[in-house]
Every structure is written in C-alpha cells, then in structure tokens.
Amino acid sequence: PQAFSPTVWHFLSILQEHFGSMAGANTYLTPPGMQGFAPHYDDIEAFVLQLEGKKHWRVYSPRMGTEVLPQFSSANLTQTELGKPVLEAVLEAGDLLYFPRGFIHQGDCLPDAHSLHITVSSYQRNSWGDLLEKLLPAALQMALEEDVEYRQGLPMDYLQYMGVVNSDTANACRTAFMEKVQSLIKKLVDYAPIDAAVDQRAKSFLHDCLPPVLTQSEKAQSVYGFPARWQDGGPCDVNILITKDTEVRLLRHGIVRLCNEEAGVMLYYTTENSRVYHKEEPKFLEIDPEYTDSIEFLLSSYPNHVSVDTLPCETLEDKISLATLLFEKGILTTKKPLVKV
C-alpha cells in the first residue's frame, strides 16, 4: 500500500525513523463470515489498524520459551494446539491492536460485516542474534589473520576424548580442550569489528527504507523544488549555484550512512529509493576519503545549518563540489531556496 498511498508512505517513513528498522505494511480485505489465515505467529512486531467494518480477533501467548520473540514465522496451527486466548476483541474502524513477535493470532469476520484492515510491521530480523550472525564470522576471520593461536593445529589425539560419545568422560585432556575453546571464544571479542558490523546492518536498512516524505518547505529548499523547466526546446534554470556562503544541512539525519568497504568509502542514502520494496539496487556514492570529515561534520551539525565554507575540505572548490553533489542527490537542503520563483 505504501507504493500507492501517500498517507501510508508518510506513516511508514516516520515509523522507520523512530524504530530504526524497516517498517512495512499489508492491507487485508475479508468478506463477512470468513477467516483469512489459520492461527499462526509472525517474526514481526505487528500493529493492526481497522479501517472499515469489523473483525473478531483472538490472541494467544507463546506456547513455549523457544517461541518467544521468534526469528521466523510459524506454519499454520490448529485450534487443538492452542490454549485459551489472552485477548479476545472485536475491532471496529479506528481501533488498533498490537501483538508482539511470537504471539499467536487469528481473525475472523462477523456474519454481518466485512473487514478492511492494515497491518504495519517492524523489527523483522533486528535482534542481537542477527547482529552477531554478521559480527562473529568477521571477528573469526580477523583473529585468524592476526593471531597465530587461532592458526595452531588441533591436538593429534583430540578425536579420542572429544565428541558426544565422550561427553560423560572426565579426564585432564578433555578439560584442557574445553578450556582452550572457551579461551579462544573469549578472545574473539578483541577482534570483533562491532562498528563495521553495525554499519553493514545500517547499509541494509537504508536499502529497505522508503524515501523520506518532504514537507513543502523542505521541497522548496531542496533539489526537488529547484525550478528547472523546459523552454524553447531546451532546459532552463538547471545550474545549481552554491557558493561559499550558502547555508546547508542534511535533509534528515538518518538518510545517509558512511561505510568503509574494500572498494572504498561509500555513502549510502535513501532519498532516491523506490516506494516499492527493493525495486532498485542500493543507492550510494563513492566518496573521496578526504571528504569523510565533511560528511561527519554535516552529521554532527544536524539539525543546524552550516555555511559551505566551514566544511573541512582542503579547497573552496572541493567544498562547493561536495555540497553541490549532495544537493543534487537530495541529501542536502539549503536554509533559503537557491532560486526564487
């Protein structure tokens, strides 16, 4: 729905900034007396907003500890697998129902009313475990490269006293082996590139994001309000005249992420994203390493405006060039519209 409804787009763009994770939406139309899905639980935080008609909902607690905050959604469940609901209610237009990840739910329509609701979701695959899935392999790779202890050979006889068949056996060799493994795992913390792993998650998040919704004043002060037009067979007013005195700032703080990668320094951004999920590839600019201080300066200065001349680039030409590039991509706005129409 966010691809077609500006209201839903605006709503989700606010939520994704607030939650720091992707916010998605689905709409469901159910005829009177019908049930859409069998009972199940999801891998998302779900917010159900009733738009039209009515719907009868039953919500059940997770059945066991392994289903609390699950990583993945469940298969369809049967009524015999469920206990008593912790909540049973009929939603009418304007009502909101929230159920966390792992809470089993089912909704069915009353005989005399159809139902139209929108489900807004967030926090999918956004747990500590999901971060560690990225972080630990990177930490191990770094440890193997930098620490000879991780590259040393295993004891020649370890198969004789390790393994499930030997798990109830107590001997000095087995104890020493377990202590060695624990020591190596503890040392991995010293090699964990935590910031780099977070940057990679942020990069993925920015690809998931909807483009920001601009206010009228933001449009007027950005490239989207720049009065380029076609006249007399050619384009007019397309020269963006940014000077050393032009005051600029980021459109929003969360629309960019600076990542150090093998190919260079990349600036990922959301302003040119599609409203259709992953319709296009991630948007990024390869940034000269000399410009990283200026990007960090713009991030730390937000929401204040700064003059182009204060950007920590070597030359005025570099300052204007960087500001112009970021303005063209919709990343920067100016304090005043560049051209008055």
Protein backbone atom coordinates (compact mmCIF):
# COMPACT_ATOMS: atom_id res chain seq x y z
CA PRO A 1 0.00 0.00 0.00
CA GLN A 2 2.89 2.42 0.58
CA ALA A 3 3.57 2.32 -3.17
CA PHE A 4 0.10 3.73 -3.90
CA SER A 5 -0.99 5.63 -0.79
CA PRO A 6 0.93 8.81 0.15
CA THR A 7 -0.66 8.60 3.62
CA VAL A 8 0.73 5.12 4.27
CA TRP A 9 4.09 6.14 2.79
CA HIS A 10 4.28 9.12 5.15
CA PHE A 11 3.19 6.99 8.13
CA LEU A 12 5.81 4.29 7.48
CA SER A 13 8.58 6.80 6.80
CA ILE A 14 8.01 8.24 10.28
CA LEU A 15 7.93 4.79 11.89
CA GLN A 16 11.10 3.54 10.19
CA GLU A 17 12.96 6.58 11.50
CA HIS A 18 11.54 6.07 15.01
CA PHE A 19 12.18 2.31 15.20
CA GLY A 20 15.50 2.34 13.32
CA SER A 21 14.35 -0.68 11.34
CA MET A 22 12.24 -1.36 8.29
CA ALA A 23 8.51 -0.66 8.62
CA GLY A 24 6.24 -2.47 6.16
CA ALA A 25 2.52 -2.70 5.59
CA ASN A 26 -0.09 -5.02 4.12
CA THR A 27 -3.82 -4.49 3.69
CA TYR A 28 -6.39 -7.26 4.11
CA LEU A 29 -9.98 -7.28 2.83
CA THR A 30 -12.14 -10.09 4.26
CA PRO A 31 -15.78 -10.80 3.29
CA PRO A 32 -18.46 -11.22 6.01
CA GLY A 33 -18.35 -14.52 7.88
CA MET A 34 -14.91 -15.50 6.53
CA GLN A 35 -11.46 -16.08 8.06
CA GLY A 36 -8.33 -15.08 6.19
CA PHE A 37 -5.49 -17.11 7.74
CA ALA A 38 -5.21 -20.06 10.07
CA PRO A 39 -3.80 -19.33 13.57
CA HIS A 40 -0.07 -18.56 13.43
CA TYR A 41 2.62 -16.33 14.88
CA ASP A 42 4.90 -13.92 13.00
CA ASP A 43 8.52 -12.81 13.11
CA ILE A 44 7.50 -9.14 13.31
CA GLU A 45 6.07 -6.65 15.75
CA ALA A 46 2.55 -6.20 14.35
CA PHE A 47 0.15 -3.28 14.63
CA VAL A 48 -3.32 -3.93 13.21
CA LEU A 49 -5.38 -0.83 12.39
CA GLN A 50 -9.03 -1.41 11.50
CA LEU A 51 -10.04 0.80 8.56
CA GLU A 52 -13.57 -0.40 7.69
CA GLY A 53 -16.12 -2.85 9.07
CA LYS A 54 -15.34 -5.17 11.97
CA LYS A 55 -13.10 -8.12 12.75
CA HIS A 56 -13.06 -10.57 15.63
CA TRP A 57 -9.55 -11.27 16.93
CA ARG A 58 -8.13 -13.84 19.32
CA VAL A 59 -4.54 -13.56 20.56
CA TYR A 60 -2.62 -16.30 22.42
CA SER A 61 0.62 -16.23 24.39
CA PRO A 62 3.67 -18.08 23.03
CA ARG A 63 3.27 -21.79 23.81
CA MET A 64 6.87 -22.34 24.97
CA GLY A 65 10.10 -20.46 25.59
CA THR A 66 11.52 -21.26 22.15
CA GLU A 67 8.61 -19.37 20.55
CA VAL A 68 9.19 -16.14 22.50
CA LEU A 69 10.44 -13.42 20.09
CA PRO A 70 10.97 -15.94 17.24
CA GLN A 71 13.30 -15.36 14.31
CA PHE A 72 10.86 -16.86 11.82
CA SER A 73 7.10 -17.08 11.39
CA SER A 74 5.29 -20.30 12.21
CA ALA A 75 3.44 -22.73 9.99
CA ASN A 76 -0.35 -22.78 10.22
CA LEU A 77 -1.58 -24.05 13.58
CA THR A 78 -4.80 -25.86 14.51
CA GLN A 79 -7.27 -24.97 17.26
CA THR A 80 -6.27 -28.11 19.18
CA GLU A 81 -2.73 -26.73 19.52
CA LEU A 82 -3.96 -23.55 21.22
CA GLY A 83 -5.00 -22.84 24.78
CA LYS A 84 -7.21 -20.02 25.92
CA PRO A 85 -6.69 -16.60 24.31
CA VAL A 86 -5.10 -13.86 26.43
CA LEU A 87 -7.13 -11.32 24.47
CA GLU A 88 -10.37 -11.55 22.53
CA ALA A 89 -11.87 -8.45 20.96
CA VAL A 90 -13.85 -7.10 18.03
CA LEU A 91 -12.03 -4.28 16.27
CA GLU A 92 -14.09 -1.53 14.73
CA ALA A 93 -12.96 1.26 12.41
CA GLY A 94 -10.27 3.29 14.17
CA ASP A 95 -9.29 0.58 16.66
CA LEU A 96 -5.65 -0.53 16.97
CA LEU A 97 -4.39 -3.94 18.08
CA TYR A 98 -0.73 -4.70 18.85
CA PHE A 99 0.76 -8.15 19.25
CA PRO A 100 4.47 -8.85 19.67
CA ARG A 101 6.54 -11.40 17.81
CA GLY A 102 5.58 -14.94 18.79
CA PHE A 103 2.02 -14.17 19.91
CA ILE A 104 -0.36 -16.48 18.04
CA HIS A 105 -3.31 -14.70 16.48
CA GLN A 106 -6.34 -15.34 14.30
CA GLY A 107 -9.01 -13.03 12.96
CA ASP A 108 -12.41 -13.77 11.50
CA CYS A 109 -15.26 -11.62 10.23
CA LEU A 110 -18.67 -11.39 11.86
CA PRO A 111 -21.60 -12.65 9.74
CA ASP A 112 -22.96 -9.15 9.17
CA ALA A 113 -19.83 -7.11 8.35
CA HIS A 114 -16.81 -7.18 6.08
CA SER A 115 -13.36 -6.11 7.28
CA LEU A 116 -10.61 -3.95 5.83
CA HIS A 117 -7.51 -3.55 7.97
CA ILE A 118 -3.88 -2.60 7.51
CA THR A 119 -1.09 -4.43 9.33
CA VAL A 120 2.05 -2.40 9.99
CA SER A 121 5.14 -4.44 10.79
CA SER A 122 8.56 -3.65 12.23
CA TYR A 123 11.63 -5.23 13.86
CA GLN A 124 11.96 -8.16 11.49
CA ARG A 125 15.38 -9.86 11.92
CA ASN A 126 16.50 -6.97 14.12
CA SER A 127 17.77 -8.80 17.22
CA TRP A 128 21.11 -9.14 18.98
CA GLY A 129 21.41 -12.59 17.43
CA ASP A 130 21.01 -11.17 13.94
CA LEU A 131 23.83 -8.70 14.63
CA LEU A 132 26.07 -11.48 15.98
CA GLU A 133 25.42 -13.57 12.85
CA LYS A 134 27.27 -10.86 10.93
CA LEU A 135 29.78 -9.98 13.62
CA LEU A 136 31.16 -13.35 14.74
CA PRO A 137 32.30 -14.64 11.31
CA ALA A 138 34.04 -11.30 10.71
CA ALA A 139 35.69 -11.47 14.15
CA LEU A 140 36.92 -15.02 13.50
CA GLN A 141 38.33 -14.06 10.12
CA MET A 142 40.23 -11.16 11.67
CA ALA A 143 41.51 -13.36 14.51
CA LEU A 144 42.77 -15.97 12.03
CA GLU A 145 44.67 -13.28 10.16
CA GLU A 146 46.20 -11.54 13.17
CA ASP A 147 46.63 -14.14 15.93
CA VAL A 148 48.76 -17.26 15.42
CA GLU A 149 46.99 -19.02 18.29
CA TYR A 150 43.89 -19.45 16.10
CA ARG A 151 46.02 -21.00 13.36
CA GLN A 152 47.76 -23.55 15.54
CA GLY A 153 46.93 -27.20 14.87
CA LEU A 154 44.44 -29.18 16.94
CA PRO A 155 45.85 -31.86 19.29
CA MET A 156 46.59 -35.03 17.34
CA ASP A 157 44.52 -37.18 19.71
CA TYR A 158 41.53 -34.87 20.33
CA LEU A 159 39.11 -37.18 18.47
CA GLN A 160 39.78 -39.84 21.11
CA TYR A 161 38.42 -37.83 24.03
CA MET A 162 36.08 -35.25 22.42
CA GLY A 163 32.67 -35.71 20.81
CA VAL A 164 29.24 -36.73 22.12
CA VAL A 165 30.33 -40.30 22.80
CA ASN A 166 32.93 -38.93 25.24
CA SER A 167 30.74 -36.19 26.77
CA ASP A 168 30.32 -38.03 30.10
CA THR A 169 34.01 -38.83 30.39
CA ALA A 170 36.12 -36.77 32.80
CA ASN A 171 39.83 -36.55 32.09
CA ALA A 172 42.54 -33.90 32.02
CA CYS A 173 42.83 -33.81 28.22
CA ARG A 174 39.13 -33.17 27.79
CA THR A 175 39.14 -30.43 30.45
CA ALA A 176 42.13 -28.73 28.81
CA PHE A 177 40.46 -28.87 25.38
CA MET A 178 37.26 -27.26 26.71
CA GLU A 179 39.24 -24.52 28.47
CA LYS A 180 41.18 -23.81 25.27
CA VAL A 181 37.98 -23.43 23.23
CA GLN A 182 36.48 -21.11 25.85
CA SER A 183 39.65 -19.03 25.89
CA LEU A 184 39.65 -18.63 22.11
CA ILE A 185 35.98 -17.65 22.09
CA LYS A 186 36.56 -15.02 24.80
CA LYS A 187 39.48 -13.59 22.84
CA LEU A 188 37.24 -13.14 19.79
CA VAL A 189 35.77 -10.07 21.46
CA ASP A 190 39.09 -8.31 20.95
CA TYR A 191 38.84 -8.88 17.19
CA ALA A 192 35.14 -8.15 16.78
CA PRO A 193 34.63 -5.27 14.29
CA ILE A 194 31.47 -4.12 16.06
CA ASP A 195 31.18 -0.72 14.39
CA ALA A 196 31.79 -2.19 10.93
CA ALA A 197 29.13 -4.86 11.51
CA VAL A 198 26.64 -2.21 12.62
CA ASP A 199 27.47 -0.15 9.52
CA GLN A 200 26.70 -3.16 7.32
CA ARG A 201 23.34 -3.59 9.03
CA ALA A 202 22.69 0.13 8.57
CA LYS A 203 23.57 -0.22 4.89
CA SER A 204 20.96 -2.98 4.53
CA PHE A 205 18.43 -0.92 6.48
CA LEU A 206 18.88 2.05 4.15
CA HIS A 207 18.18 -0.25 1.18
CA ASP A 208 14.96 -1.36 2.91
CA CYS A 209 13.88 2.21 3.65
CA LEU A 210 11.17 4.18 1.95
CA PRO A 211 12.36 7.55 0.65
CA PRO A 212 11.68 10.40 3.09
CA VAL A 213 8.45 12.37 2.72
CA LEU A 214 9.26 16.05 2.31
CA THR A 215 7.32 18.96 3.74
CA GLN A 216 6.55 21.90 1.46
CA SER A 217 9.38 23.94 2.97
CA GLU A 218 11.82 21.04 2.58
CA LYS A 219 10.84 20.70 -1.08
CA ALA A 220 11.39 24.42 -1.65
CA GLN A 221 14.85 24.24 -0.09
CA SER A 222 15.98 21.07 -1.86
CA VAL A 223 16.65 19.90 -5.40
CA TYR A 224 13.01 18.77 -5.60
CA GLY A 225 11.88 22.37 -5.52
CA PHE A 226 14.56 23.61 -7.87
CA PRO A 227 12.74 25.37 -10.75
CA ALA A 228 14.30 23.53 -13.70
CA ARG A 229 11.95 23.61 -16.68
CA TRP A 230 11.79 23.01 -20.44
CA GLN A 231 11.58 26.14 -22.56
CA ASP A 232 12.26 26.94 -26.22
CA GLY A 233 13.42 23.39 -26.95
CA GLY A 234 15.92 23.16 -24.10
CA PRO A 235 16.32 23.04 -20.31
CA CYS A 236 16.42 26.26 -18.31
CA ASP A 237 17.48 27.05 -14.74
CA VAL A 238 19.43 23.84 -14.26
CA ASN A 239 22.64 25.41 -12.94
CA ILE A 240 22.78 24.91 -9.18
CA LEU A 241 24.65 27.91 -7.87
CA ILE A 242 26.06 27.04 -4.47
CA THR A 243 28.62 29.45 -3.06
CA LYS A 244 30.85 29.50 -0.01
CA ASP A 245 28.17 31.45 1.88
CA THR A 246 25.30 29.05 1.10
CA GLU A 247 23.97 27.56 4.34
CA VAL A 248 23.20 23.84 4.13
CA ARG A 249 22.25 20.87 6.28
CA LEU A 250 21.27 17.23 5.85
CA LEU A 251 17.64 16.72 4.85
CA ARG A 252 17.32 14.18 7.70
CA HIS A 253 19.94 12.66 9.99
CA GLY A 254 19.03 9.05 9.23
CA ILE A 255 19.05 9.20 5.43
CA VAL A 256 22.80 8.56 4.98
CA ARG A 257 25.41 6.10 6.23
CA LEU A 258 29.14 6.32 5.69
CA CYS A 259 30.74 2.87 5.31
CA ASN A 260 34.38 1.90 4.90
CA GLU A 261 34.48 -1.01 2.47
CA GLU A 262 37.12 -2.86 0.48
CA ALA A 263 36.21 -0.90 -2.65
CA GLY A 264 36.50 2.44 -0.85
CA VAL A 265 34.45 4.82 1.25
CA MET A 266 30.76 4.60 0.32
CA LEU A 267 27.96 6.95 1.28
CA TYR A 268 24.63 5.10 1.21
CA TYR A 269 21.47 7.20 1.08
CA THR A 270 17.68 6.83 0.88
CA THR A 271 16.48 9.92 -0.99
CA GLU A 272 16.33 8.14 -4.35
CA ASN A 273 14.83 4.89 -3.06
CA SER A 274 11.70 3.46 -4.63
CA ARG A 275 8.40 3.19 -2.76
CA VAL A 276 8.31 -0.43 -3.96
CA TYR A 277 10.38 -2.70 -1.69
CA HIS A 278 13.83 -3.41 -3.21
CA LYS A 279 12.65 -2.43 -6.68
CA GLU A 280 16.06 -0.85 -7.23
CA GLU A 281 19.61 -1.53 -6.10
CA PRO A 282 21.01 0.28 -3.02
CA LYS A 283 21.82 3.93 -3.70
CA PHE A 284 25.34 5.05 -2.86
CA LEU A 285 28.11 7.46 -3.78
CA GLU A 286 31.79 6.58 -3.70
CA ILE A 287 33.34 9.33 -1.60
CA ASP A 288 36.90 10.57 -1.76
CA PRO A 289 38.40 9.70 1.65
CA GLU A 290 39.29 13.38 2.03
CA TYR A 291 35.55 14.15 2.15
CA THR A 292 34.74 11.85 5.09
CA ASP A 293 35.43 14.59 7.65
CA SER A 294 32.94 16.84 5.86
CA ILE A 295 30.25 14.14 5.88
CA GLU A 296 30.85 13.56 9.58
CA PHE A 297 30.74 17.32 10.15
CA LEU A 298 27.33 17.54 8.43
CA LEU A 299 26.06 14.63 10.54
CA SER A 300 27.27 16.15 13.81
CA SER A 301 25.94 19.61 12.89
CA TYR A 302 22.38 18.39 12.18
CA PRO A 303 19.81 19.96 12.57
CA ASN A 304 21.76 23.22 12.38
CA HIS A 305 22.70 24.81 9.08
CA VAL A 306 26.36 25.41 8.31
CA SER A 307 27.92 27.53 5.59
CA VAL A 308 29.65 25.66 2.77
CA ASP A 309 32.86 27.50 3.63
CA THR A 310 33.02 25.73 7.02
CA LEU A 311 33.15 22.23 5.51
CA PRO A 312 36.58 20.74 6.38
CA CYS A 313 37.73 20.21 2.78
CA GLU A 314 41.14 21.34 1.56
CA THR A 315 39.97 23.85 -1.05
CA LEU A 316 36.91 26.01 -1.61
CA GLU A 317 36.40 24.23 -4.93
CA ASP A 318 36.17 20.90 -3.07
CA LYS A 319 33.70 22.35 -0.57
CA ILE A 320 31.38 23.64 -3.29
CA SER A 321 31.76 20.47 -5.37
CA LEU A 322 30.80 18.21 -2.43
CA ALA A 323 27.87 20.41 -1.39
CA THR A 324 26.58 20.54 -4.98
CA LEU A 325 26.80 16.75 -5.36
CA LEU A 326 24.93 16.12 -2.12
CA PHE A 327 22.32 18.75 -3.03
CA GLU A 328 21.74 17.13 -6.44
CA LYS A 329 21.05 13.79 -4.72
CA GLY A 330 18.51 15.37 -2.38
CA ILE A 331 20.74 14.71 0.65
CA LEU A 332 21.32 18.40 1.45
CA THR A 333 18.85 21.23 1.77
CA THR A 334 19.62 24.93 1.91
CA LYS A 335 18.47 27.42 4.53
CA LYS A 336 16.89 29.53 1.80
CA PRO A 337 15.72 28.42 -1.65
CA LEU A 338 18.58 28.80 -4.12
CA VAL A 339 16.38 30.40 -6.76
CA LYS A 340 13.26 32.40 -6.02
CA VAL A 341 10.49 31.71 -8.48
